Amino acid sequence: MRWLIVGYGNPLRGDDAVGWVVATQLFQELGGGDCDVRTLHQLVPELADDLGRFDIVVFVDASATEPPGAVRVRELTPPPASPSESFTHHFDAVRLLVLCRSLWGRAPQAFLVTIGGADFGFSETLSPQGARAAQEAVRYVKALLRLCERGLVSRH
């Protein structure tokens, strides 16, 4: 089973860097072999081609709408194909899955981990809530990958 972990956000805006922090930690613990880890400023359409090479993808991002320090994990399911689907310069994870499916005929099983940020000001460090939540998110992702590997999380 091949996994891709994508941490994204702005590493110069405090808690917006939490996706990068989580992805970097996971790379140190899991990187290589069947696990690939990427850090990006934002999701881009070019990533859709890469997604098709993986069985599972986990996106990790900060959230300004979740309570500070909260970690939320949810499975992503791309909607049925639509002939009127349009793509813009702003891509979210679901749009990437739709594009991946159009390129590969399938999309990987996907999850989104969002972490509530407390401080999005100019800073190269996470807030205390962001740092604690980043460690919690690392544990969640590792547990999720173990469950998927054992077939205990099935696709809907």
Protein backbone atom coordinates (compact mmCIF):
# COMPACT_ATOMS: atom_id res chain seq x y z
CA MET A 1 0.00 0.00 0.00
CA ARG A 2 1.47 3.36 -1.05
CA TRP A 3 0.73 6.51 0.97
CA LEU A 4 1.18 10.18 0.23
CA ILE A 5 1.07 12.80 2.96
CA VAL A 6 0.65 16.39 1.79
CA GLY A 7 1.19 19.16 4.33
CA TYR A 8 0.38 22.60 3.02
CA GLY A 9 0.17 26.21 4.18
CA ASN A 10 2.43 29.20 4.64
CA PRO A 11 5.49 28.44 6.81
CA LEU A 12 5.95 32.16 7.51
CA ARG A 13 2.47 32.70 9.01
CA GLY A 14 2.53 31.06 12.44
CA ASP A 15 -0.01 28.25 12.76
CA ASP A 16 -0.59 28.22 8.99
CA ALA A 17 2.65 26.20 8.93
CA VAL A 18 1.14 23.33 10.92
CA GLY A 19 0.67 21.21 7.77
CA TRP A 20 4.38 21.54 7.04
CA VAL A 21 5.30 20.70 10.64
CA VAL A 22 3.14 17.57 10.67
CA ALA A 23 4.38 16.43 7.24
CA THR A 24 8.02 16.99 8.22
CA GLN A 25 7.58 15.00 11.44
CA LEU A 26 5.87 12.18 9.54
CA PHE A 27 8.65 12.17 6.95
CA GLN A 28 11.21 11.74 9.73
CA GLU A 29 9.22 8.86 11.21
CA LEU A 30 7.75 7.19 8.10
CA GLY A 31 9.45 8.64 5.01
CA GLY A 32 10.84 6.40 2.36
CA GLY A 33 9.62 3.06 1.16
CA ASP A 34 5.86 3.09 0.69
CA CYS A 35 5.36 6.54 2.22
CA ASP A 36 5.98 9.79 0.34
CA VAL A 37 5.65 13.17 2.04
CA ARG A 38 5.30 16.58 0.39
CA THR A 39 5.11 20.14 1.70
CA LEU A 40 3.47 22.82 -0.41
CA HIS A 41 2.38 26.43 -0.04
CA GLN A 42 -0.94 25.53 -1.66
CA LEU A 43 -2.54 22.68 -3.55
CA VAL A 44 -1.88 22.87 -7.29
CA PRO A 45 -3.45 21.01 -10.24
CA GLU A 46 -0.13 19.33 -11.09
CA LEU A 47 -0.42 17.29 -7.92
CA ALA A 48 -3.44 15.43 -9.36
CA ASP A 49 -1.19 13.41 -11.65
CA ASP A 50 0.92 12.27 -8.69
CA LEU A 51 -2.12 11.28 -6.61
CA GLY A 52 -2.94 8.45 -8.99
CA ARG A 53 0.25 6.63 -8.00
CA PHE A 54 -0.91 6.21 -4.40
CA ASP A 55 -3.49 4.10 -2.59
CA ILE A 56 -4.01 6.58 0.25
CA VAL A 57 -3.43 10.31 0.47
CA VAL A 58 -3.64 12.38 3.64
CA PHE A 59 -3.87 16.16 3.31
CA VAL A 60 -2.87 18.21 6.38
CA ASP A 61 -3.79 21.88 6.66
CA ALA A 62 -4.45 24.63 9.19
CA SER A 63 -7.96 25.94 9.76
CA ALA A 64 -9.00 29.41 10.81
CA THR A 65 -12.56 28.17 11.50
CA GLU A 66 -11.82 25.23 13.81
CA PRO A 67 -11.22 26.06 17.49
CA PRO A 68 -7.51 26.70 18.20
CA GLY A 69 -5.73 23.42 18.84
CA ALA A 70 -8.60 21.24 17.58
CA VAL A 71 -7.69 18.37 15.24
CA ARG A 72 -10.33 17.09 12.84
CA VAL A 73 -9.95 14.09 10.53
CA ARG A 74 -12.45 13.35 7.80
CA GLU A 75 -12.55 11.14 4.76
CA LEU A 76 -12.86 12.90 1.41
CA THR A 77 -15.01 11.52 -1.36
CA PRO A 78 -14.97 13.17 -4.77
CA PRO A 79 -18.43 13.82 -6.18
CA PRO A 80 -19.57 12.13 -9.37
CA ALA A 81 -18.01 13.57 -12.51
CA SER A 82 -19.73 16.62 -13.90
CA PRO A 83 -19.36 17.77 -17.50
CA SER A 84 -19.51 21.36 -16.30
CA GLU A 85 -16.64 20.91 -13.83
CA SER A 86 -14.42 23.95 -14.01
CA PHE A 87 -11.02 24.42 -12.50
CA THR A 88 -9.66 27.66 -11.16
CA HIS A 89 -6.40 28.84 -9.67
CA HIS A 90 -7.65 27.81 -6.22
CA PHE A 91 -7.63 24.07 -5.70
CA ASP A 92 -8.90 22.18 -2.72
CA ALA A 93 -8.31 18.52 -1.98
CA VAL A 94 -11.65 17.36 -3.37
CA ARG A 95 -11.03 19.12 -6.70
CA LEU A 96 -7.64 17.42 -6.88
CA LEU A 97 -9.31 14.05 -6.37
CA VAL A 98 -11.80 14.80 -9.15
CA LEU A 99 -8.98 15.80 -11.48
CA CYS A 100 -6.98 12.70 -10.48
CA ARG A 101 -9.96 10.51 -11.28
CA SER A 102 -10.30 12.13 -14.71
CA LEU A 103 -6.60 11.48 -15.40
CA TRP A 104 -6.25 7.98 -13.93
CA GLY A 105 -9.80 6.62 -13.96
CA ARG A 106 -9.60 6.37 -10.17
CA ALA A 107 -8.71 8.43 -7.14
CA PRO A 108 -6.91 7.25 -4.00
CA GLN A 109 -8.67 6.92 -0.69
CA ALA A 110 -8.21 10.36 0.85
CA PHE A 111 -8.42 12.04 4.22
CA LEU A 112 -8.19 15.65 5.32
CA VAL A 113 -6.65 16.54 8.67
CA THR A 114 -7.45 20.10 9.71
CA ILE A 115 -5.85 21.74 12.70
CA GLY A 116 -7.35 24.83 14.29
CA GLY A 117 -4.84 27.66 14.42
CA ALA A 118 -4.56 30.28 17.13
CA ASP A 119 -2.10 32.71 15.50
CA PHE A 120 -1.71 33.34 11.76
CA GLY A 121 0.50 36.41 12.12
CA PHE A 122 4.00 36.72 10.70
CA SER A 123 6.05 34.11 12.54
CA GLU A 124 8.16 31.07 11.76
CA THR A 125 6.96 29.22 14.87
CA LEU A 126 3.68 27.64 15.88
CA SER A 127 1.63 28.89 18.80
CA PRO A 128 1.63 26.63 21.88
CA GLN A 129 -1.85 25.34 20.87
CA GLY A 130 -0.63 24.75 17.30
CA ALA A 131 2.47 22.86 18.48
CA ARG A 132 0.41 20.58 20.76
CA ALA A 133 -2.14 19.99 18.01
CA ALA A 134 0.62 19.19 15.50
CA GLN A 135 1.87 16.36 17.73
CA GLU A 136 -1.70 15.10 18.17
CA ALA A 137 -2.19 15.18 14.38
CA VAL A 138 1.01 13.16 13.85
CA ARG A 139 -0.38 10.48 16.20
CA TYR A 140 -3.76 10.54 14.40
CA VAL A 141 -2.19 10.15 10.95
CA LYS A 142 0.05 7.29 12.07
CA ALA A 143 -2.94 5.52 13.64
CA LEU A 144 -5.04 6.14 10.52
CA LEU A 145 -2.36 4.68 8.27
CA ARG A 146 -2.04 1.61 10.50
CA LEU A 147 -5.82 1.08 10.35
CA CYS A 148 -5.87 1.47 6.56
CA GLU A 149 -2.92 -0.89 6.20
CA ARG A 150 -4.80 -3.53 8.21
CA GLY A 151 -7.95 -3.02 6.12
CA LEU A 152 -9.92 -1.64 9.05
CA VAL A 153 -10.83 1.61 7.27
CA SER A 154 -12.69 0.83 4.09
CA ARG A 155 -13.63 3.11 1.25
CA HIS A 156 -17.16 4.43 1.15
